[in-house]
Amino acid sequence: MMRDVCVIGIGQTPIGELWEYSLRDLAYQALQGAVKDAGIEQPDALFVANMLAPRLSSQAHLGALIANHVGWRGIEATTVEAACASGGTAFQAAVRAIASGMVDVAAVCGVEKMTDATSGQITAALATAADADYEGAHGASFVALNALIMQRYMHEYHLPHECFAPFSINAHANAVNNPNAMFRKEISFEAYKRSPVIADPINLFDSSPISDGAAAIILCPLEMAKDLSPRGPIKVLGSATATDTVDLAGRQNMIDLYAARLSAHKAYRQAGLEAEDIDVFEVHDAFSIMAALSLEAAGFAEAGHGTDLAQNGDITIQGRIPISTMGGLKGRGHPVGATGVYELVDLVTQLRGEAGANQVANAHIGMTQNIGGTGATVVTHILAKE
């Protein structure tokens, strides 16, 4: 019989250009914060989420490296890589380990160190999330591939570029109240329109930043969580992954996030819920087009109408389906391998009622969606206050 799994601890570092800290230093800070929050000393297993360390830091084997650095020598530890969906995938691995009964307490740590490298090195490393033979070999950068998706979406539904502005404006407005966010500054519609284009039609404010950071989560079975978590545990109701082709050309419809739709509906079935039951949705807004497509894939809007939710104010803290509540990838930052864990930390903060000025009223059930590549791997989690 599978056990119910709960989150009992969270930790995170600020996101930014953290040149003074190494990869292992960032992981240490996040994990120490999480175990302190959980009231434990050491987990049974550690799942480290990372995408770029082998290329940008010349360091693989992060599971053992970080376990030893934190002082947990001897525990089970492994590294999980699924491009930008590494964090969500690592969390799912921990959930399954505990649900199966093979592990009682697990730590998940997403960590990424990007800013020590040159822009060319970073661009080349991020391009490995695409298809090396069919996209990378032809010079297609990651931002260029997302620009193709955005171009096609605007063409198909006859939409102006400005309709994406509220996604960025909302993310930055929410980041102002997040002490760990990289960009704690609001932006205006006029600033969005003036923003330089980096891959037509994607401009600077459509795109998340290159950044460093680490986030961590402690999980355990429900029966144990009731004793360890005086504030009340946060229960995992659903956890599902789906995949699509890595290359855009191989997809039946490049503006339908098939894997996002499939993973969301699998998670809904596991939780016994529907889209209308979700109070908070932490989307993977690496580019503003991905926020629109995720809202559509998860069932909050019909195809071609994801931007309507942004235009109508439905995505704000007071709206029908608040997204990017602590700044999202755009305002909080996007240390790629760690992002899925940051999303979960933000959601737990909301469900605990600890989001301060960004608190969503009556937030009881929330969802995160972590996207790898241009939608080739998508992990959806649904959590609720127990």
Protein backbone atom coordinates (compact mmCIF):
# COMPACT_ATOMS: atom_id res chain seq x y z
CA MET A 1 0.00 0.00 0.00
CA MET A 2 1.39 3.42 -1.00
CA ARG A 3 1.85 5.98 1.77
CA ASP A 4 0.64 9.58 1.71
CA VAL A 5 3.55 12.04 1.40
CA CYS A 6 3.88 15.51 2.93
CA VAL A 7 6.22 18.49 2.81
CA ILE A 8 7.48 19.45 6.26
CA GLY A 9 10.37 21.80 5.51
CA ILE A 10 11.48 24.36 2.92
CA GLY A 11 14.62 26.41 2.41
CA GLN A 12 16.02 28.69 -0.27
CA THR A 13 18.77 31.13 -1.10
CA PRO A 14 18.20 34.47 -2.77
CA ILE A 15 18.41 34.28 -6.56
CA GLY A 16 20.88 36.48 -8.41
CA GLU A 17 24.46 36.79 -9.56
CA LEU A 18 25.91 35.04 -6.53
CA TRP A 19 29.59 35.05 -7.46
CA GLU A 20 30.74 34.76 -3.85
CA TYR A 21 29.14 31.31 -3.43
CA SER A 22 30.01 28.02 -5.08
CA LEU A 23 27.52 25.41 -6.23
CA ARG A 24 27.99 23.38 -3.05
CA ASP A 25 27.74 26.51 -0.85
CA LEU A 26 24.34 27.37 -2.33
CA ALA A 27 23.08 23.82 -1.84
CA TYR A 28 24.32 23.85 1.76
CA GLN A 29 22.47 27.07 2.57
CA ALA A 30 19.17 25.85 1.10
CA LEU A 31 19.37 22.42 2.75
CA GLN A 32 20.30 23.84 6.14
CA GLY A 33 17.29 26.13 5.95
CA ALA A 34 15.02 23.23 5.00
CA VAL A 35 16.12 20.84 7.78
CA LYS A 36 15.85 23.63 10.33
CA ASP A 37 12.36 24.40 9.10
CA ALA A 38 11.44 20.70 9.25
CA GLY A 39 12.93 20.17 12.70
CA ILE A 40 15.12 17.25 11.65
CA GLU A 41 18.88 16.70 11.59
CA GLN A 42 19.42 14.47 8.57
CA PRO A 43 17.29 12.81 5.87
CA ASP A 44 17.58 9.21 4.70
CA ALA A 45 18.01 10.22 1.07
CA LEU A 46 18.97 13.27 -0.97
CA PHE A 47 17.79 14.03 -4.51
CA VAL A 48 19.79 16.81 -6.18
CA ALA A 49 18.28 18.56 -9.20
CA ASN A 50 20.71 20.18 -11.63
CA MET A 51 21.10 20.68 -15.37
CA LEU A 52 24.27 22.61 -16.13
CA ALA A 53 26.98 21.80 -13.57
CA PRO A 54 28.87 19.32 -15.80
CA ARG A 55 29.21 22.00 -18.50
CA LEU A 56 29.42 25.28 -16.58
CA SER A 57 31.11 24.13 -13.35
CA SER A 58 32.98 21.05 -14.67
CA GLN A 59 31.27 19.12 -11.89
CA ALA A 60 29.09 16.03 -12.08
CA HIS A 61 28.35 13.52 -9.27
CA LEU A 62 26.49 16.18 -7.28
CA GLY A 63 24.57 13.76 -5.07
CA ALA A 64 27.63 12.54 -3.21
CA LEU A 65 29.40 15.90 -3.42
CA ILE A 66 26.58 17.82 -1.74
CA ALA A 67 25.69 15.09 0.76
CA ASN A 68 29.27 15.14 1.99
CA HIS A 69 29.48 18.95 2.03
CA VAL A 70 26.34 19.20 4.15
CA GLY A 71 27.72 16.60 6.57
CA TRP A 72 25.48 13.69 5.56
CA ARG A 73 28.20 11.30 4.44
CA GLY A 74 26.84 7.81 3.92
CA ILE A 75 23.25 8.62 3.00
CA GLU A 76 21.65 7.64 -0.28
CA ALA A 77 22.16 10.54 -2.72
CA THR A 78 21.66 10.94 -6.44
CA THR A 79 21.48 13.60 -9.13
CA VAL A 80 18.39 14.12 -11.31
CA GLU A 81 18.55 15.83 -14.70
CA ALA A 82 15.59 16.65 -16.97
CA ALA A 83 16.72 20.00 -18.40
CA CYS A 84 14.69 22.85 -16.86
CA ALA A 85 12.29 20.26 -15.38
CA SER A 86 15.03 18.76 -13.19
CA GLY A 87 13.61 20.23 -9.97
CA GLY A 88 10.11 18.89 -10.46
CA THR A 89 11.47 15.50 -11.52
CA ALA A 90 13.68 15.25 -8.43
CA PHE A 91 10.70 16.10 -6.21
CA GLN A 92 8.68 13.35 -7.88
CA ALA A 93 11.50 10.86 -7.30
CA ALA A 94 11.48 11.73 -3.60
CA VAL A 95 7.69 11.44 -3.41
CA ARG A 96 7.80 7.98 -4.95
CA ALA A 97 10.62 6.84 -2.66
CA ILE A 98 8.62 7.79 0.43
CA ALA A 99 5.28 6.56 -0.91
CA SER A 100 6.83 3.15 -1.60
CA GLY A 101 8.08 2.84 1.97
CA MET A 102 11.73 2.54 0.94
CA VAL A 103 12.59 5.96 2.42
CA ASP A 104 11.11 7.74 5.43
CA VAL A 105 12.63 11.22 5.17
CA ALA A 106 13.91 12.66 1.89
CA ALA A 107 15.54 15.95 0.98
CA VAL A 108 15.23 17.52 -2.46
CA CYS A 109 17.69 20.23 -3.45
CA GLY A 110 17.63 22.11 -6.72
CA VAL A 111 20.82 24.05 -7.35
CA GLU A 112 22.28 25.89 -10.32
CA LYS A 113 25.33 28.09 -10.82
CA MET A 114 25.13 29.94 -14.13
CA THR A 115 26.57 33.44 -13.89
CA ASP A 116 30.24 32.53 -13.56
CA ALA A 117 30.27 31.50 -17.24
CA THR A 118 30.26 33.71 -20.34
CA SER A 119 27.02 34.36 -22.21
CA GLY A 120 28.22 32.20 -25.10
CA GLN A 121 28.93 29.28 -22.79
CA ILE A 122 25.55 29.64 -21.10
CA THR A 123 23.68 29.85 -24.41
CA ALA A 124 25.43 26.72 -25.67
CA ALA A 125 24.73 24.87 -22.41
CA LEU A 126 21.04 25.80 -22.41
CA ALA A 127 20.78 24.65 -26.03
CA THR A 128 21.42 21.10 -24.85
CA ALA A 129 17.78 21.07 -23.68
CA ALA A 130 16.88 21.10 -27.40
CA ASP A 131 17.56 18.41 -30.00
CA ALA A 132 21.29 18.49 -30.74
CA ASP A 133 20.98 16.89 -34.20
CA TYR A 134 17.88 18.60 -35.54
CA GLU A 135 18.00 21.98 -33.76
CA GLY A 136 21.33 22.65 -32.05
CA ALA A 137 23.41 21.69 -35.08
CA HIS A 138 21.60 24.36 -37.08
CA GLY A 139 22.31 27.10 -34.57
CA ALA A 140 18.91 27.23 -32.93
CA SER A 141 19.32 28.74 -29.47
CA PHE A 142 16.78 28.12 -26.74
CA VAL A 143 15.36 31.64 -26.94
CA ALA A 144 15.09 31.32 -30.73
CA LEU A 145 13.02 28.15 -30.41
CA ASN A 146 10.65 29.84 -27.97
CA ALA A 147 10.44 32.79 -30.38
CA LEU A 148 9.26 30.40 -33.10
CA ILE A 149 6.52 29.15 -30.79
CA MET A 150 5.48 32.69 -29.92
CA GLN A 151 5.47 33.74 -33.60
CA ARG A 152 3.26 30.82 -34.53
CA TYR A 153 0.89 31.48 -31.61
CA MET A 154 0.48 35.15 -32.53
CA HIS A 155 -0.08 34.24 -36.19
CA GLU A 156 -2.57 31.45 -35.48
CA TYR A 157 -4.74 33.49 -33.13
CA HIS A 158 -4.19 36.95 -34.69
CA LEU A 159 -2.75 38.43 -31.49
CA PRO A 160 -0.46 41.45 -31.03
CA HIS A 161 2.75 41.08 -29.07
CA GLU A 162 1.48 43.50 -26.41
CA CYS A 163 -1.10 40.99 -25.18
CA PHE A 164 1.72 39.16 -23.36
CA ALA A 165 2.76 42.23 -21.35
CA PRO A 166 0.54 41.52 -18.30
CA PHE A 167 2.42 38.26 -17.65
CA SER A 168 5.68 40.13 -17.15
CA ILE A 169 4.06 43.04 -15.32
CA ASN A 170 2.36 40.66 -12.88
CA ALA A 171 5.54 38.66 -12.25
CA HIS A 172 7.60 41.77 -11.50
CA ALA A 173 4.89 43.25 -9.27
CA ASN A 174 4.86 40.08 -7.18
CA ALA A 175 8.66 39.88 -7.04
CA VAL A 176 8.76 43.26 -5.28
CA ASN A 177 7.53 41.60 -2.06
CA ASN A 178 9.80 38.54 -2.31
CA PRO A 179 13.12 39.14 -0.49
CA ASN A 180 14.69 36.24 -2.41
CA ALA A 181 13.72 37.49 -5.89
CA MET A 182 16.31 38.70 -8.37
CA PHE A 183 14.26 41.59 -9.79
CA ARG A 184 12.36 43.41 -7.03
CA LYS A 185 11.15 46.19 -9.28
CA GLU A 186 7.84 46.80 -11.02
CA ILE A 187 7.70 47.37 -14.77
CA SER A 188 5.13 49.35 -16.76
CA PHE A 189 3.35 48.54 -20.00
CA GLU A 190 5.39 51.27 -21.68
CA ALA A 191 8.65 49.77 -20.41
CA TYR A 192 7.57 46.37 -21.74
CA LYS A 193 6.89 47.84 -25.19
CA ARG A 194 10.27 49.64 -25.22
CA SER A 195 12.18 46.54 -24.14
CA PRO A 196 14.77 45.44 -26.73
CA VAL A 197 13.95 42.42 -28.87
CA ILE A 198 16.29 39.48 -28.31
CA ALA A 199 14.69 36.97 -30.71
CA ASP A 200 11.70 38.35 -32.59
CA PRO A 201 9.07 38.61 -31.14
CA ILE A 202 10.54 37.83 -27.69
CA ASN A 203 11.85 40.91 -25.94
CA LEU A 204 13.92 41.26 -22.79
CA PHE A 205 10.84 41.43 -20.54
CA ASP A 206 9.38 38.28 -22.11
CA SER A 207 12.42 36.32 -20.99
CA SER A 208 13.57 35.06 -17.59
CA PRO A 209 17.10 35.93 -16.42
CA ILE A 210 20.27 33.89 -16.13
CA SER A 211 20.85 33.38 -12.41
CA ASP A 212 22.27 31.38 -9.51
CA GLY A 213 20.35 29.88 -6.61
CA ALA A 214 19.31 26.84 -4.61
CA ALA A 215 16.04 25.70 -3.04
CA ALA A 216 15.32 22.67 -0.86
CA ILE A 217 12.38 20.68 0.47
CA ILE A 218 12.04 17.99 3.16
CA LEU A 219 9.41 15.27 2.71
CA CYS A 220 8.14 12.43 4.89
CA PRO A 221 5.05 10.19 5.27
CA LEU A 222 1.82 11.75 6.54
CA GLU A 223 1.83 9.87 9.86
CA MET A 224 5.33 11.16 10.63
CA ALA A 225 4.54 14.66 9.36
CA LYS A 226 1.74 15.09 11.88
CA ASP A 227 4.29 14.78 14.70
CA LEU A 228 7.07 16.81 13.04
CA SER A 229 5.15 19.75 11.58
CA PRO A 230 3.45 21.92 14.22
CA ARG A 231 2.14 24.31 11.53
CA GLY A 232 0.45 21.45 9.70
CA PRO A 233 1.96 19.41 6.87
CA ILE A 234 1.40 20.11 3.18
CA LYS A 235 0.18 16.94 1.49
CA VAL A 236 1.13 15.86 -2.03
CA LEU A 237 -2.12 15.01 -3.82
CA GLY A 238 -0.78 14.50 -7.32
CA SER A 239 2.57 14.14 -9.07
CA ALA A 240 2.74 13.34 -12.78
CA THR A 241 5.21 13.57 -15.65
CA ALA A 242 4.62 13.44 -19.39
CA THR A 243 6.87 13.86 -22.42
CA ASP A 244 6.75 15.08 -26.00
CA THR A 245 9.30 15.25 -28.80
CA VAL A 246 12.41 17.22 -27.90
CA ASP A 247 12.45 18.91 -31.33
CA LEU A 248 9.65 21.30 -32.26
CA ALA A 249 9.44 20.00 -35.83
CA GLY A 250 8.46 16.56 -34.58
CA ARG A 251 5.31 17.76 -32.82
CA GLN A 252 1.81 17.56 -34.17
CA ASN A 253 1.08 21.10 -32.99
CA MET A 254 3.91 23.31 -31.76
CA ILE A 255 1.56 25.67 -29.90
CA ASP A 256 -0.15 22.90 -27.94
CA LEU A 257 1.89 21.87 -24.89
CA TYR A 258 0.87 18.23 -25.17
CA ALA A 259 3.08 17.04 -22.31
CA ALA A 260 1.83 19.85 -20.05
CA ARG A 261 -1.78 18.96 -20.79
CA LEU A 262 -1.16 15.25 -20.26
CA SER A 263 0.78 15.66 -17.01
CA ALA A 264 -1.78 18.15 -15.61
CA HIS A 265 -4.70 15.86 -16.27
CA LYS A 266 -2.84 12.86 -14.84
CA ALA A 267 -2.20 14.90 -11.69
CA TYR A 268 -5.86 15.97 -11.56
CA ARG A 269 -6.94 12.32 -11.72
CA GLN A 270 -4.52 11.35 -8.95
CA ALA A 271 -5.83 14.17 -6.75
CA GLY A 272 -9.49 13.65 -7.66
CA LEU A 273 -9.69 17.32 -8.66
CA GLU A 274 -10.29 19.56 -11.67
CA ALA A 275 -8.79 22.85 -12.79
CA GLU A 276 -11.57 24.79 -11.03
CA ASP A 277 -10.36 23.42 -7.67
CA ILE A 278 -6.89 24.98 -7.94
CA ASP A 279 -6.36 28.15 -5.87
CA VAL A 280 -2.77 28.93 -6.93
CA PHE A 281 -0.81 27.89 -10.03
CA GLU A 282 2.97 28.37 -10.18
CA VAL A 283 3.65 28.30 -13.92
CA HIS A 284 6.96 27.83 -15.68
CA ASP A 285 7.12 31.31 -17.21
CA ALA A 286 10.65 31.07 -18.59
CA PHE A 287 9.16 33.00 -21.51
CA SER A 288 5.79 34.73 -21.43
CA ILE A 289 4.50 32.49 -24.22
CA MET A 290 5.00 29.48 -21.92
CA ALA A 291 2.76 31.04 -19.26
CA ALA A 292 -0.07 31.37 -21.79
CA LEU A 293 0.41 27.85 -23.14
CA SER A 294 0.57 26.33 -19.63
CA LEU A 295 -2.69 27.99 -18.61
CA GLU A 296 -4.33 26.54 -21.69
CA ALA A 297 -2.80 23.08 -21.31
CA ALA A 298 -3.81 22.85 -17.64
CA GLY A 299 -7.43 23.65 -18.45
CA PHE A 300 -7.75 27.25 -17.25
CA ALA A 301 -8.36 28.67 -20.74
CA GLU A 302 -9.29 27.47 -24.21
CA ALA A 303 -6.61 27.30 -26.90
CA GLY A 304 -5.66 30.79 -27.97
CA HIS A 305 -7.18 32.43 -24.90
CA GLY A 306 -4.39 32.10 -22.33
CA THR A 307 -3.52 35.77 -22.80
CA ASP A 308 -7.13 36.70 -22.00
CA LEU A 309 -6.55 35.63 -18.39
CA ALA A 310 -3.62 38.02 -18.20
CA GLN A 311 -5.50 40.87 -19.87
CA ASN A 312 -8.48 40.43 -17.52
CA GLY A 313 -6.39 40.38 -14.34
CA ASP A 314 -7.30 36.76 -13.58
CA ILE A 315 -3.63 35.86 -12.97
CA THR A 316 -3.02 38.43 -10.24
CA ILE A 317 -2.90 37.70 -6.50
CA GLN A 318 -6.58 38.72 -6.24
CA GLY A 319 -7.58 37.02 -9.52
CA ARG A 320 -9.32 33.78 -10.39
CA ILE A 321 -6.11 31.80 -10.90
CA PRO A 322 -3.07 33.58 -9.39
CA ILE A 323 0.25 32.68 -11.04
CA SER A 324 3.89 33.57 -10.39
CA THR A 325 2.84 34.66 -6.92
CA MET A 326 6.38 35.28 -5.66
CA GLY A 327 7.68 36.58 -8.98
CA GLY A 328 7.83 33.42 -11.06
CA LEU A 329 10.78 32.63 -13.27
CA LYS A 330 10.59 36.12 -14.79
CA GLY A 331 10.76 38.16 -11.58
CA ARG A 332 12.12 35.72 -8.99
CA GLY A 333 14.70 34.28 -11.39
CA HIS A 334 15.37 31.04 -13.26
CA PRO A 335 18.38 29.02 -12.03
CA VAL A 336 17.21 26.29 -14.38
CA GLY A 337 17.86 23.03 -12.50
CA ALA A 338 16.57 24.57 -9.28
CA THR A 339 13.47 26.25 -10.68
CA GLY A 340 11.04 23.37 -10.13
CA VAL A 341 12.01 23.28 -6.44
CA TYR A 342 11.63 27.06 -6.12
CA GLU A 343 8.12 26.74 -7.56
CA LEU A 344 7.26 24.18 -4.90
CA VAL A 345 8.79 26.28 -2.12
CA ASP A 346 6.69 29.25 -3.27
CA LEU A 347 3.55 27.09 -3.33
CA VAL A 348 4.20 25.68 0.15
CA THR A 349 4.70 29.25 1.38
CA GLN A 350 1.26 30.12 -0.01
CA LEU A 351 -0.47 27.05 1.40
CA ARG A 352 1.04 27.73 4.84
CA GLY A 353 -0.30 31.27 4.70
CA GLU A 354 3.22 32.73 4.97
CA ALA A 355 3.41 34.74 1.73
CA GLY A 356 2.95 38.13 3.42
CA ALA A 357 1.81 40.87 1.05
CA ASN A 358 1.60 38.29 -1.75
CA GLN A 359 -0.67 35.91 0.15
CA VAL A 360 -3.52 34.48 -1.92
CA ALA A 361 -6.66 34.52 0.21
CA ASN A 362 -8.01 31.10 1.18
CA ALA A 363 -5.22 29.23 -0.65
CA HIS A 364 -5.82 25.58 0.22
CA ILE A 365 -4.93 23.71 -3.00
CA GLY A 366 -2.14 24.64 -5.38
CA MET A 367 -0.34 23.35 -8.44
CA THR A 368 3.11 23.72 -9.97
CA GLN A 369 4.16 22.94 -13.51
CA ASN A 370 7.84 22.56 -14.37
CA ILE A 371 8.78 22.47 -18.07
CA GLY A 372 11.94 20.96 -19.54
CA GLY A 373 13.11 22.19 -22.94
CA THR A 374 10.38 23.68 -25.10
CA GLY A 375 7.86 21.28 -23.56
CA ALA A 376 9.53 17.89 -23.98
CA THR A 377 9.34 17.02 -20.27
CA VAL A 378 6.63 18.49 -18.07
CA VAL A 379 6.08 17.66 -14.39
CA THR A 380 2.89 18.73 -12.59
CA HIS A 381 2.41 18.61 -8.81
CA ILE A 382 -0.73 19.28 -6.79
CA LEU A 383 -0.37 20.06 -3.09
CA ALA A 384 -2.88 20.87 -0.36
CA LYS A 385 -2.88 21.98 3.24
CA GLU A 386 -3.61 18.94 5.38
